[in-house]
């Protein structure tokens, strides 16, 4: 579409042509009258006379659409400004019924097959790069927004409110339910017992136990240890005792690991189920746990840690997105390529996407149809008369000038025809 300045120039040029044709017919009429209007001049006078009438009539008709001819308030002139509200309502209704009707739009959209076209468009490496570039720009803009102090504070407060409203006991009970399903909690116990067995078998533990025994015996029974030291070494006895004690504990743990119905396992099973039931039923216990959760969440250390974690995460994402070999964007391009390939061969996926798009478009059109109609009508009614006339005249005024030109020429031809009929009847 040409720009308004070019359309205005075209309109002015055609107005000049139509006015020139009318001027020539008027000049010819004057010359023919001056020459007496006999013979050939009679024919010429008839042509110019009818051409003048036709040109003036069509000038009046065209002008009357937009304004009062010669500024005179003649009835049924300036039709467009005076009928602006009616035209606005009619145009809005026309658009609503012929362009925004759900059946019309959905039928066109279905024939368009948007899913297939989208798949074909995404198959191009250039288009994939365009999507990745747009995603990069939007992501950087979003990260820049999230870096604002007010946004970060709002985000932190939102997360805090969510954490405060979180029922930790219900979540814990649910997690433990999953953990105890099919005896998974016994697998956790196995892991703990294995770690305990390995720990008890280390020389460091035996040395620590021996040292504790010596310290305790010397503190509780100093005389006895003195007598023992005279006969033997308390340290050696403690070492021997700690070795036997550690060995006995390791054997106990190993026995618990090897026996599915060991007393330790049964007690652990009873304890875990009692604990789950307590989480669900003991309101005081639940309140204590949630209060502990609230204190942890609100502690300055936790909030500072989360804030620092977010800053690190954001900086890492931004640094990756800014790189030419961004892993995130590369993954996005690969995903787009895989999606285009699947859409090209999976008719079910294509049909499902089309169905979703049609459903969304139907709901959207139904919701927006009345609003768009009202917007068109309200906007046109709000235009001042000069703006409305200018817009319409720039759109169709050039073609209307051809009506004036044709009226002049056709009027002249009719004048010749009438003159010929008159001469034949005489």
Protein backbone atom coordinates (compact mmCIF):
# COMPACT_ATOMS: atom_id res chain seq x y z
CA UNK A 1 0.00 0.00 0.00
CA UNK A 2 1.30 3.46 -0.93
CA UNK A 3 2.00 5.98 1.78
CA UNK A 4 -0.56 8.73 2.60
CA UNK A 5 1.56 11.42 0.92
CA UNK A 6 1.61 9.47 -2.36
CA UNK A 7 -2.12 8.81 -2.16
CA UNK A 8 -2.73 12.51 -1.59
CA UNK A 9 -0.65 13.37 -4.66
CA UNK A 10 -2.60 10.86 -6.76
CA UNK A 11 -5.88 12.30 -5.50
CA UNK A 12 -4.84 15.86 -6.31
CA UNK A 13 -3.70 14.82 -9.78
CA UNK A 14 -7.00 13.12 -10.62
CA UNK A 15 -8.94 16.07 -9.21
CA UNK A 16 -6.96 18.27 -11.57
CA UNK A 17 -7.72 16.01 -14.54
CA UNK A 18 -11.45 15.92 -13.73
CA UNK A 19 -11.52 19.67 -13.17
CA UNK A 20 -9.60 20.20 -16.39
CA UNK A 21 -12.11 18.12 -18.36
CA UNK A 22 -14.96 20.15 -16.84
CA UNK A 23 -13.12 23.38 -17.67
CA UNK A 24 -12.61 22.29 -21.28
CA UNK A 25 -16.30 21.47 -21.64
CA UNK A 26 -17.24 24.88 -20.23
CA UNK A 27 -14.78 26.62 -22.54
CA UNK A 28 -16.06 24.67 -25.53
CA UNK A 29 -19.63 25.56 -24.61
CA UNK A 30 -18.74 29.22 -24.50
CA UNK A 31 -16.94 29.12 -27.84
CA UNK A 32 -19.75 27.19 -29.54
CA UNK A 33 -22.38 29.65 -28.26
CA UNK A 34 -20.27 32.55 -29.44
CA UNK A 35 -20.02 30.95 -32.89
CA UNK A 36 -23.81 30.72 -33.18
CA UNK A 37 -24.19 27.01 -32.56
CA UNK A 38 -25.03 26.22 -36.20
CA UNK A 39 -23.78 23.38 -38.34
CA UNK A 40 -20.76 21.66 -36.86
CA UNK A 41 -20.76 24.13 -34.04
CA UNK A 42 -24.20 22.83 -33.12
CA UNK A 43 -22.84 19.36 -32.69
CA UNK A 44 -19.92 20.70 -30.68
CA UNK A 45 -22.27 22.80 -28.54
CA UNK A 46 -24.46 19.77 -27.78
CA UNK A 47 -21.40 17.77 -26.73
CA UNK A 48 -20.00 20.51 -24.50
CA UNK A 49 -23.37 21.36 -23.02
CA UNK A 50 -24.12 17.77 -22.00
CA UNK A 51 -20.51 17.22 -20.87
CA UNK A 52 -20.74 20.29 -18.65
CA UNK A 53 -24.01 19.11 -17.11
CA UNK A 54 -22.61 15.59 -16.57
CA UNK A 55 -19.35 16.87 -15.10
CA UNK A 56 -21.12 19.31 -12.77
CA UNK A 57 -23.66 16.69 -11.67
CA UNK A 58 -20.95 14.15 -10.84
CA UNK A 59 -18.83 16.82 -9.15
CA UNK A 60 -21.84 17.63 -6.97
CA UNK A 61 -22.47 13.95 -6.23
CA UNK A 62 -18.84 13.20 -5.34
CA UNK A 63 -18.44 16.36 -3.28
CA UNK A 64 -21.73 15.76 -1.47
CA UNK A 65 -20.32 12.51 -0.08
CA UNK A 66 -17.63 14.33 1.87
CA UNK A 67 -18.75 17.91 2.41
CA UNK A 68 -21.34 20.58 1.54
CA UNK A 69 -20.80 21.72 -2.10
CA UNK A 70 -19.54 25.32 -2.12
CA UNK A 71 -20.11 25.34 1.65
CA UNK A 72 -23.88 25.54 1.19
CA UNK A 73 -25.88 23.47 3.73
CA UNK A 74 -27.88 21.70 1.04
CA UNK A 75 -29.98 18.83 2.41
CA UNK A 76 -28.57 15.34 1.94
CA UNK A 77 -25.02 16.55 1.38
CA UNK A 78 -21.88 15.89 3.51
CA UNK A 79 -23.30 12.39 3.80
CA UNK A 80 -20.24 10.74 5.37
CA UNK A 81 -19.73 13.24 8.23
CA UNK A 82 -23.45 13.39 9.01
CA UNK A 83 -23.82 9.62 8.88
CA UNK A 84 -20.57 8.92 10.75
CA UNK A 85 -22.20 7.04 13.64
CA UNK A 86 -24.37 4.96 11.34
CA UNK A 87 -21.39 4.18 9.08
CA UNK A 88 -19.27 3.24 12.10
CA UNK A 89 -21.89 0.83 13.43
CA UNK A 90 -22.48 -0.66 9.97
CA UNK A 91 -18.76 -1.12 9.28
CA UNK A 92 -18.18 -2.67 12.70
CA UNK A 93 -21.10 -5.07 12.17
CA UNK A 94 -19.81 -5.93 8.70
CA UNK A 95 -16.35 -6.75 10.07
CA UNK A 96 -17.89 -8.74 12.91
CA UNK A 97 -20.16 -10.82 10.68
CA UNK A 98 -17.82 -11.34 7.72
CA UNK A 99 -14.32 -11.30 9.20
CA UNK A 100 -14.69 -12.20 12.87
CA UNK A 101 -17.38 -14.85 12.67
CA UNK A 102 -16.01 -17.99 14.35
CA UNK A 103 -17.18 -20.32 11.56
CA UNK A 104 -15.51 -18.19 8.88
CA UNK A 105 -12.22 -17.79 10.73
CA UNK A 106 -11.98 -21.41 11.87
CA UNK A 107 -12.74 -22.70 8.37
CA UNK A 108 -9.94 -20.56 6.93
CA UNK A 109 -7.59 -21.55 9.73
CA UNK A 110 -8.33 -25.23 9.18
CA UNK A 111 -7.58 -24.94 5.46
CA UNK A 112 -4.41 -23.06 6.30
CA UNK A 113 -3.16 -26.09 8.32
CA UNK A 114 -1.05 -24.02 10.75
CA UNK A 115 0.74 -27.01 12.30
CA UNK A 116 2.07 -28.21 8.94
CA UNK A 117 3.19 -24.72 7.97
CA UNK A 118 4.81 -24.23 11.36
CA UNK A 119 6.70 -27.51 10.96
CA UNK A 120 7.88 -26.50 7.48
CA UNK A 121 8.95 -23.10 8.76
CA UNK A 122 10.86 -24.58 11.69
CA UNK A 123 12.65 -27.04 9.41
CA UNK A 124 14.78 -24.19 8.07
CA UNK A 125 18.08 -23.67 9.91
CA UNK A 126 17.71 -19.94 9.29
CA UNK A 127 14.32 -19.86 10.99
CA UNK A 128 15.61 -21.93 13.90
CA UNK A 129 18.38 -19.37 14.32
CA UNK A 130 15.79 -16.58 14.25
CA UNK A 131 13.78 -18.24 17.03
CA UNK A 132 16.96 -18.79 19.07
CA UNK A 133 17.97 -15.16 18.58
CA UNK A 134 14.55 -13.95 19.68
CA UNK A 135 14.65 -16.29 22.67
CA UNK A 136 18.08 -14.93 23.60
CA UNK A 137 16.86 -11.33 23.49
CA UNK A 138 13.74 -12.11 25.54
CA UNK A 139 15.72 -14.15 28.06
CA UNK A 140 18.31 -11.40 28.54
CA UNK A 141 15.53 -8.85 28.93
CA UNK A 142 13.80 -11.06 31.51
CA UNK A 143 17.05 -11.62 33.42
CA UNK A 144 17.72 -7.89 33.39
CA UNK A 145 14.27 -7.28 34.83
CA UNK A 146 14.75 -9.94 37.51
CA UNK A 147 18.02 -8.27 38.52
CA UNK A 148 16.18 -5.17 39.67
CA UNK A 149 16.23 -4.80 43.45
CA UNK A 150 12.47 -4.35 43.68
CA UNK A 151 11.81 -7.43 41.55
CA UNK A 152 14.28 -9.51 43.51
CA UNK A 153 12.70 -8.37 46.75
CA UNK A 154 9.21 -9.17 45.47
CA UNK A 155 10.39 -12.58 44.27
CA UNK A 156 11.99 -13.27 47.65
CA UNK A 157 8.85 -12.24 49.51
CA UNK A 158 6.74 -14.44 47.22
CA UNK A 159 8.96 -17.45 47.87
CA UNK A 160 8.92 -16.70 51.60
CA UNK A 161 5.12 -16.59 51.65
CA UNK A 162 4.95 -19.85 49.74
CA UNK A 163 7.41 -21.47 52.13
CA UNK A 164 5.52 -20.18 55.15
CA UNK A 165 2.25 -21.58 53.82
CA UNK A 166 3.85 -24.95 53.06
CA UNK A 167 2.66 -27.74 55.37
CA UNK A 168 5.95 -29.49 56.05
CA UNK A 169 4.41 -32.33 58.07
CA UNK A 170 2.00 -33.33 55.27
CA UNK A 171 4.84 -33.32 52.77
CA UNK A 172 7.07 -35.31 55.09
CA UNK A 173 4.32 -37.87 55.66
CA UNK A 174 3.81 -38.19 51.92
CA UNK A 175 7.53 -38.63 51.29
CA UNK A 176 7.79 -41.26 54.00
CA UNK A 177 4.75 -43.06 52.57
CA UNK A 178 6.57 -43.33 49.25
CA UNK A 179 9.74 -44.35 51.07
CA UNK A 180 8.01 -47.16 52.98
CA UNK A 181 6.18 -48.45 49.91
CA UNK A 182 7.45 -51.96 49.02
CA UNK A 183 9.93 -51.81 51.91
CA UNK A 184 12.11 -49.07 50.49
CA UNK A 185 12.78 -47.78 54.01
CA UNK A 186 14.55 -51.09 54.75
CA UNK A 187 16.92 -50.31 51.89
CA UNK A 188 17.66 -47.00 53.57
CA UNK A 189 18.26 -48.86 56.82
CA UNK A 190 20.61 -51.24 54.99
CA UNK A 191 22.64 -48.33 53.77
CA UNK A 192 22.82 -46.83 57.25
CA UNK A 193 23.83 -50.17 58.82
CA UNK A 194 26.52 -50.73 56.20
CA UNK A 195 27.96 -47.29 56.89
CA UNK A 196 27.84 -48.03 60.66
CA UNK A 197 29.53 -51.43 60.18
CA UNK A 198 32.31 -49.92 58.11
CA UNK A 199 32.76 -47.12 60.63
CA UNK A 200 32.94 -49.48 63.62
CA UNK A 201 35.54 -51.61 61.83
CA UNK A 202 38.00 -48.70 61.46
CA UNK A 203 41.08 -48.58 63.76
CA UNK A 204 40.26 -44.99 64.63
CA UNK A 205 37.01 -46.05 66.31
CA UNK A 206 38.73 -48.78 68.29
CA UNK A 207 41.41 -46.39 69.48
CA UNK A 208 38.77 -43.84 70.45
CA UNK A 209 36.74 -46.45 72.40
CA UNK A 210 39.90 -47.69 74.19
CA UNK A 211 40.83 -44.15 75.19
CA UNK A 212 37.33 -43.50 76.51
CA UNK A 213 37.39 -46.73 78.55
CA UNK A 214 40.73 -45.87 80.12
CA UNK A 215 39.60 -42.34 80.94
CA UNK A 216 36.34 -43.57 82.44
CA UNK A 217 37.92 -46.34 84.53
CA UNK A 218 40.61 -44.07 85.92
CA UNK A 219 37.97 -41.51 86.88
CA UNK A 220 35.52 -43.96 88.42
CA UNK A 221 37.83 -46.58 89.94
CA UNK A 222 41.23 -45.00 90.53
CA UNK A 223 42.33 -47.56 93.14
CA UNK A 224 41.27 -50.50 91.05
CA UNK A 225 43.11 -49.17 88.02
CA UNK A 226 46.20 -48.62 90.15
CA UNK A 227 46.14 -52.24 91.26
CA UNK A 228 45.55 -53.38 87.68
CA UNK A 229 48.41 -51.22 86.45
CA UNK A 230 50.67 -52.90 89.03
CA UNK A 231 49.76 -56.31 87.69
CA UNK A 232 49.22 -55.46 84.05
CA UNK A 233 48.45 -52.46 81.77
CA UNK A 234 45.04 -50.82 81.86
CA UNK A 235 45.72 -49.43 78.37
CA UNK A 236 46.31 -52.91 76.98
CA UNK A 237 43.17 -54.22 78.63
CA UNK A 238 41.19 -51.27 77.18
CA UNK A 239 42.62 -51.96 73.74
CA UNK A 240 41.64 -55.62 73.99
CA UNK A 241 38.19 -54.76 75.29
CA UNK A 242 37.59 -52.14 72.58
CA UNK A 243 38.61 -54.64 69.89
CA UNK A 244 36.18 -57.22 71.24
CA UNK A 245 33.45 -54.63 71.68
CA UNK A 246 33.88 -53.30 68.14
CA UNK A 247 33.95 -56.83 66.76
CA UNK A 248 30.79 -57.68 68.64
CA UNK A 249 29.04 -54.56 67.36
CA UNK A 250 30.12 -55.29 63.79
CA UNK A 251 28.76 -58.82 64.13
CA UNK A 252 25.46 -57.48 65.47
CA UNK A 253 25.18 -55.06 62.55
CA UNK A 254 26.11 -57.79 60.08
CA UNK A 255 23.46 -60.04 61.58
CA UNK A 256 20.85 -57.30 61.18
CA UNK A 257 21.90 -56.86 57.56
CA UNK A 258 21.63 -60.58 56.78
CA UNK A 259 18.28 -61.29 58.50
CA UNK A 260 15.14 -59.72 56.90
CA UNK A 261 13.13 -60.29 60.09
CA UNK A 262 15.75 -59.12 62.55
CA UNK A 263 14.51 -57.39 65.69
CA UNK A 264 16.20 -54.16 64.66
CA UNK A 265 14.33 -54.18 61.34
CA UNK A 266 10.99 -54.88 63.02
CA UNK A 267 11.51 -52.10 65.53
CA UNK A 268 12.57 -49.72 62.78
CA UNK A 269 9.49 -50.63 60.74
CA UNK A 270 7.19 -49.99 63.71
CA UNK A 271 8.94 -46.73 64.50
CA UNK A 272 8.74 -45.34 60.96
CA UNK A 273 5.01 -46.13 60.64
CA UNK A 274 4.31 -44.65 64.06
CA UNK A 275 6.23 -41.55 63.06
CA UNK A 276 4.20 -41.19 59.85
CA UNK A 277 0.96 -41.56 61.78
CA UNK A 278 2.13 -39.01 64.29
CA UNK A 279 2.90 -36.56 61.51
CA UNK A 280 -0.69 -36.89 60.34
CA UNK A 281 -2.54 -37.01 63.63
CA UNK A 282 -0.51 -35.18 66.27
CA UNK A 283 -1.40 -31.50 65.80
CA UNK A 284 1.06 -30.34 68.46
CA UNK A 285 3.89 -32.27 66.79
CA UNK A 286 2.90 -30.84 63.39
CA UNK A 287 2.86 -27.32 64.80
CA UNK A 288 6.33 -27.80 66.31
CA UNK A 289 7.76 -29.05 63.01
CA UNK A 290 6.17 -26.24 60.99
CA UNK A 291 7.38 -23.69 63.53
CA UNK A 292 10.91 -25.07 63.15
CA UNK A 293 10.51 -24.85 59.37
CA UNK A 294 9.36 -21.22 59.63
CA UNK A 295 12.34 -20.29 61.81
CA UNK A 296 14.74 -21.88 59.35
CA UNK A 297 13.12 -20.22 56.34
CA UNK A 298 13.11 -16.79 57.98
CA UNK A 299 16.64 -16.96 59.28
CA UNK A 300 19.00 -14.34 57.78
CA UNK A 301 21.54 -17.01 56.88
CA UNK A 302 19.07 -19.00 54.78
CA UNK A 303 17.72 -15.90 53.05
CA UNK A 304 21.24 -14.65 52.32
CA UNK A 305 22.17 -18.07 50.96
CA UNK A 306 19.13 -18.22 48.69
CA UNK A 307 19.76 -14.68 47.47
CA UNK A 308 23.38 -15.52 46.67
CA UNK A 309 22.29 -18.76 45.03
CA UNK A 310 19.87 -16.86 42.79
CA UNK A 311 22.56 -14.35 41.82
CA UNK A 312 24.94 -17.14 40.91
CA UNK A 313 22.26 -18.99 38.97
CA UNK A 314 21.22 -15.86 37.10
CA UNK A 315 24.82 -14.93 36.29
CA UNK A 316 25.49 -18.45 35.01
CA UNK A 317 22.41 -18.44 32.78
CA UNK A 318 23.19 -14.97 31.42
CA UNK A 319 26.82 -15.87 30.71
CA UNK A 320 25.74 -18.98 28.83
CA UNK A 321 23.09 -17.17 26.79
CA UNK A 322 25.53 -14.43 25.77
CA UNK A 323 28.04 -16.93 24.38
CA UNK A 324 27.94 -17.75 20.68
CA UNK A 325 28.14 -21.45 21.56
CA UNK A 326 25.46 -21.23 24.25
CA UNK A 327 24.48 -24.67 25.50
CA UNK A 328 20.93 -23.53 26.26
CA UNK A 329 20.39 -22.03 22.79
CA UNK A 330 22.02 -25.02 21.14
CA UNK A 331 19.61 -27.28 23.00
CA UNK A 332 16.73 -25.04 21.90
CA UNK A 333 17.77 -25.26 18.23
CA UNK A 334 18.08 -29.05 18.50
CA UNK A 335 14.64 -29.23 20.09
CA UNK A 336 13.14 -27.09 17.32
CA UNK A 337 14.74 -29.25 14.65
CA UNK A 338 13.49 -32.44 16.31
CA UNK A 339 10.01 -30.93 16.62
CA UNK A 340 9.94 -29.96 12.92
CA UNK A 341 11.04 -33.47 11.90
CA UNK A 342 8.40 -35.08 14.07
CA UNK A 343 5.70 -32.75 12.81
CA UNK A 344 6.66 -33.63 9.24
CA UNK A 345 6.09 -37.37 9.82
CA UNK A 346 3.66 -37.61 12.73
CA UNK A 347 0.17 -36.87 11.42
CA UNK A 348 -1.29 -37.47 14.85
CA UNK A 349 0.88 -34.74 16.36
CA UNK A 350 0.05 -32.36 13.53
CA UNK A 351 -3.67 -33.00 13.94
CA UNK A 352 -3.44 -32.59 17.71
CA UNK A 353 -1.66 -29.23 17.34
CA UNK A 354 -4.22 -28.09 14.77
CA UNK A 355 -7.07 -29.14 17.06
CA UNK A 356 -5.58 -27.20 19.97
CA UNK A 357 -4.99 -24.13 17.81
CA UNK A 358 -8.53 -24.26 16.44
CA UNK A 359 -9.96 -24.63 19.93
CA UNK A 360 -7.87 -21.72 21.23
CA UNK A 361 -8.76 -19.58 18.20
CA UNK A 362 -12.45 -20.35 18.67
CA UNK A 363 -12.40 -19.28 22.31
CA UNK A 364 -10.29 -16.22 21.49
CA UNK A 365 -12.54 -15.07 18.64
CA UNK A 366 -15.65 -15.58 20.74
CA UNK A 367 -14.17 -13.49 23.56
CA UNK A 368 -12.72 -10.74 21.38
CA UNK A 369 -15.40 -10.51 18.71
CA UNK A 370 -17.66 -8.11 20.57
CA UNK A 371 -14.74 -6.09 21.90
CA UNK A 372 -13.17 -5.63 18.46
CA UNK A 373 -16.54 -4.62 17.02
CA UNK A 374 -17.08 -2.03 19.74
CA UNK A 375 -13.51 -0.80 19.31
CA UNK A 376 -13.97 -0.21 15.57
CA UNK A 377 -17.26 1.61 16.06
CA UNK A 378 -16.02 3.68 19.01
CA UNK A 379 -12.80 4.65 17.24
CA UNK A 380 -14.61 5.80 14.10
CA UNK A 381 -17.18 7.74 16.11
CA UNK A 382 -14.39 9.47 18.02
CA UNK A 383 -12.75 10.74 14.82
CA UNK A 384 -13.47 14.35 14.01
CA UNK A 385 -15.28 14.88 10.71
CA UNK A 386 -12.24 16.21 8.88
CA UNK A 387 -10.09 13.22 9.85
CA UNK A 388 -12.81 10.77 8.83
CA UNK A 389 -13.34 12.50 5.47
CA UNK A 390 -9.60 12.66 4.87
CA UNK A 391 -9.11 8.94 5.56
CA UNK A 392 -11.95 7.84 3.29
CA UNK A 393 -11.10 10.37 0.59
CA UNK A 394 -7.48 9.24 0.52
CA UNK A 395 -8.67 5.64 0.18
CA UNK A 396 -11.32 6.01 -2.53
CA UNK A 397 -11.22 9.68 -3.60
CA UNK A 398 -8.92 9.03 -6.57
CA UNK A 399 -11.35 6.48 -7.99
CA UNK A 400 -14.26 8.87 -7.41
CA UNK A 401 -12.50 11.46 -9.58
CA UNK A 402 -12.74 8.97 -12.45
CA UNK A 403 -16.50 9.13 -11.95
CA UNK A 404 -16.34 12.88 -12.50
CA UNK A 405 -14.18 12.43 -15.58
CA UNK A 406 -16.40 9.67 -16.94
CA UNK A 407 -19.49 11.79 -16.19
CA UNK A 408 -18.06 14.58 -18.33
CA UNK A 409 -17.20 12.29 -21.24
CA UNK A 410 -20.34 10.17 -21.04
CA UNK A 411 -22.47 13.32 -20.73
CA UNK A 412 -20.85 14.70 -23.88
CA UNK A 413 -21.51 11.48 -25.75
CA UNK A 414 -25.14 11.51 -24.67
CA UNK A 415 -25.37 15.14 -25.84
CA UNK A 416 -24.16 14.11 -29.30
CA UNK A 417 -26.68 11.25 -29.34
CA UNK A 418 -29.54 13.56 -28.41
CA UNK A 419 -28.45 16.11 -31.02
CA UNK A 420 -28.38 13.39 -33.65
CA UNK A 421 -31.86 12.20 -32.63
CA UNK A 422 -33.14 15.77 -32.80
CA UNK A 423 -31.67 16.29 -36.29
CA UNK A 424 -33.17 12.99 -37.51
CA UNK A 425 -36.63 13.85 -36.18
CA UNK A 426 -36.52 17.23 -37.96
